[in-house]
């Protein structure tokens, strides 16, 4: 008579333990895959161009850029924007010469949003956009337009 009760209790406890393990596994999976990944500030250009440092604050975006193209270059225009089309948006004219293998800090530039409005963030927010860089090779005078990607934390 007691064997039926013991068998039923073992049956329910076994299924209860399996159910608890299943709930724990679902909870762990939810914890790891539902969290937002932290944003990592980055500045990336195509091969031969490098961001050594960058800073985004109330003065604008300041870049320290270097290159290893094999030619001295003169940067003649730069823009930071969330727009995809580079035509007509290089509104910041500068003239910075960088020799091959060197890097220089460029003057602060204003970054723009998707609608063309200047972007100013509050401290701790992130800006995600593109950097359009126009430059000429000093020895060949060949013009180039370079597109980079920036994710910067407003400081």
Protein backbone atom coordinates (compact mmCIF):
# COMPACT_ATOMS: atom_id res chain seq x y z
CA UNK A 1 0.00 0.00 0.00
CA UNK A 2 2.82 2.44 0.83
CA UNK A 3 4.77 1.43 -2.25
CA UNK A 4 2.27 3.16 -4.55
CA UNK A 5 2.58 6.43 -2.61
CA UNK A 6 6.36 6.27 -2.57
CA UNK A 7 6.43 5.52 -6.30
CA UNK A 8 4.14 8.48 -7.02
CA UNK A 9 6.26 10.81 -4.88
CA UNK A 10 9.48 9.73 -6.62
CA UNK A 11 7.78 10.22 -9.98
CA UNK A 12 6.68 13.79 -9.12
CA UNK A 13 10.03 14.73 -7.54
CA UNK A 14 11.91 13.47 -10.62
CA UNK A 15 9.78 15.56 -12.96
CA UNK A 16 10.02 18.51 -10.57
CA UNK A 17 13.82 18.43 -10.63
CA UNK A 18 13.86 18.23 -14.45
CA UNK A 19 11.45 21.19 -14.59
CA UNK A 20 13.67 23.25 -12.25
CA UNK A 21 16.77 22.49 -14.34
CA UNK A 22 14.88 23.49 -17.52
CA UNK A 23 13.76 26.78 -15.95
CA UNK A 24 17.35 27.49 -14.80
CA UNK A 25 18.73 26.83 -18.31
CA UNK A 26 16.11 29.10 -19.90
CA UNK A 27 16.93 31.82 -17.35
CA UNK A 28 20.65 31.60 -18.03
CA UNK A 29 20.13 31.75 -21.80
CA UNK A 30 17.82 34.75 -21.43
CA UNK A 31 20.38 36.52 -19.22
CA UNK A 32 23.24 36.10 -21.70
CA UNK A 33 21.39 36.75 -24.96
CA UNK A 34 18.92 39.48 -24.01
CA UNK A 35 21.41 42.00 -22.64
CA UNK A 36 22.49 44.90 -24.80
CA UNK A 37 26.11 44.70 -25.73
CA UNK A 38 28.20 47.65 -24.57
CA UNK A 39 29.18 50.09 -27.31
CA UNK A 40 32.91 50.38 -27.86
CA UNK A 41 34.22 53.68 -29.22
CA UNK A 42 36.12 53.12 -32.45
CA UNK A 43 37.54 54.95 -35.44
CA UNK A 44 38.25 52.91 -38.56
CA UNK A 45 39.55 53.79 -41.99
CA UNK A 46 40.39 51.58 -44.95
CA UNK A 47 43.85 50.08 -45.22
CA UNK A 48 46.84 52.47 -44.97
CA UNK A 49 44.95 55.07 -42.84
CA UNK A 50 44.81 54.96 -39.05
CA UNK A 51 43.14 56.77 -36.17
CA UNK A 52 45.71 57.15 -33.43
CA UNK A 53 43.32 59.04 -31.17
CA UNK A 54 39.95 60.77 -31.27
CA UNK A 55 37.84 62.88 -28.95
CA UNK A 56 34.20 64.02 -29.25
CA UNK A 57 33.12 66.92 -27.05
CA UNK A 58 31.47 70.35 -27.19
CA UNK A 59 34.26 71.61 -29.50
CA UNK A 60 33.46 68.85 -32.01
CA UNK A 61 35.30 65.76 -33.16
CA UNK A 62 39.09 65.88 -32.99
CA UNK A 63 41.02 63.20 -34.89
CA UNK A 64 44.67 62.21 -34.82
CA UNK A 65 45.17 60.57 -38.23
CA UNK A 66 48.15 58.84 -39.76
CA UNK A 67 48.82 56.94 -42.97
CA UNK A 68 51.25 54.66 -44.72
CA UNK A 69 50.30 55.19 -48.37
CA UNK A 70 53.87 55.65 -49.58
CA UNK A 71 53.23 59.30 -50.54
CA UNK A 72 53.07 62.52 -48.55
CA UNK A 73 49.46 63.75 -48.52
CA UNK A 74 47.60 67.01 -47.97
CA UNK A 75 44.16 66.70 -46.38
CA UNK A 76 41.94 69.33 -48.02
CA UNK A 77 38.45 68.51 -46.72
CA UNK A 78 36.80 66.53 -43.96
CA UNK A 79 33.31 65.91 -42.68
CA UNK A 80 31.68 63.81 -40.00
CA UNK A 81 28.08 62.85 -40.77
CA UNK A 82 25.44 60.15 -40.48
CA UNK A 83 24.43 60.68 -44.12
CA UNK A 84 25.37 58.01 -46.66
CA UNK A 85 26.02 60.24 -49.65
CA UNK A 86 29.38 62.00 -49.67
CA UNK A 87 28.49 64.37 -52.53
CA UNK A 88 28.51 67.97 -51.40
CA UNK A 89 29.00 67.32 -47.71
CA UNK A 90 32.71 68.03 -47.41
CA UNK A 91 31.99 71.47 -46.05
CA UNK A 92 34.99 71.72 -43.72
CA UNK A 93 38.00 72.87 -45.71
CA UNK A 94 41.37 72.35 -44.09
CA UNK A 95 44.95 72.04 -45.23
CA UNK A 96 47.04 69.59 -43.23
CA UNK A 97 50.11 67.91 -44.68
CA UNK A 98 51.04 64.47 -43.35
CA UNK A 99 54.18 62.70 -44.50
CA UNK A 100 54.19 58.94 -45.03
CA UNK A 101 54.39 57.13 -41.68
CA UNK A 102 53.49 60.21 -39.63
CA UNK A 103 50.29 61.20 -37.87
CA UNK A 104 48.84 64.60 -37.01
CA UNK A 105 45.94 65.97 -35.00
CA UNK A 106 43.33 67.62 -37.22
CA UNK A 107 41.32 70.68 -36.15
CA UNK A 108 38.00 69.96 -34.41
CA UNK A 109 35.08 69.47 -36.80
CA UNK A 110 31.32 69.48 -36.27
CA UNK A 111 29.53 66.16 -36.70
CA UNK A 112 26.13 66.11 -38.40
CA UNK A 113 23.05 63.92 -38.05
CA UNK A 114 21.06 62.05 -40.67
CA UNK A 115 19.07 65.20 -41.55
CA UNK A 116 22.12 67.44 -41.80
CA UNK A 117 21.69 69.09 -38.41
CA UNK A 118 24.74 69.53 -36.15
CA UNK A 119 24.93 66.78 -33.53
CA UNK A 120 25.73 67.72 -29.96
CA UNK A 121 25.30 65.02 -27.38
CA UNK A 122 25.05 64.91 -23.65
CA UNK A 123 27.96 63.45 -21.73
CA UNK A 124 28.02 59.68 -22.00
CA UNK A 125 25.95 59.40 -25.21
CA UNK A 126 27.38 57.94 -28.40
CA UNK A 127 27.69 59.25 -31.94
CA UNK A 128 27.79 56.73 -34.79
CA UNK A 129 28.60 58.12 -38.23
CA UNK A 130 30.97 58.31 -41.15
CA UNK A 131 34.05 60.40 -41.75
CA UNK A 132 34.61 61.62 -45.30
CA UNK A 133 38.19 62.68 -45.92
CA UNK A 134 39.40 64.38 -49.11
CA UNK A 135 43.13 64.45 -49.72
CA UNK A 136 45.71 64.85 -52.48
CA UNK A 137 48.99 63.02 -52.83
CA UNK A 138 51.61 65.77 -52.66
CA UNK A 139 53.97 64.31 -55.24
CA UNK A 140 51.41 63.17 -57.84
CA UNK A 141 48.57 65.65 -57.00
CA UNK A 142 46.14 62.74 -57.38
CA UNK A 143 42.90 63.49 -55.46
CA UNK A 144 41.23 60.86 -53.26
CA UNK A 145 38.04 60.58 -51.22
CA UNK A 146 38.21 58.26 -48.23
CA UNK A 147 35.33 57.04 -46.07
CA UNK A 148 35.82 55.94 -42.47
CA UNK A 149 33.51 54.94 -39.64
CA UNK A 150 33.39 56.55 -36.20
CA UNK A 151 31.68 55.53 -32.97
CA UNK A 152 32.56 58.14 -30.38
CA UNK A 153 31.45 58.76 -26.81
CA UNK A 154 30.54 62.37 -26.05
CA UNK A 155 32.79 63.60 -23.24
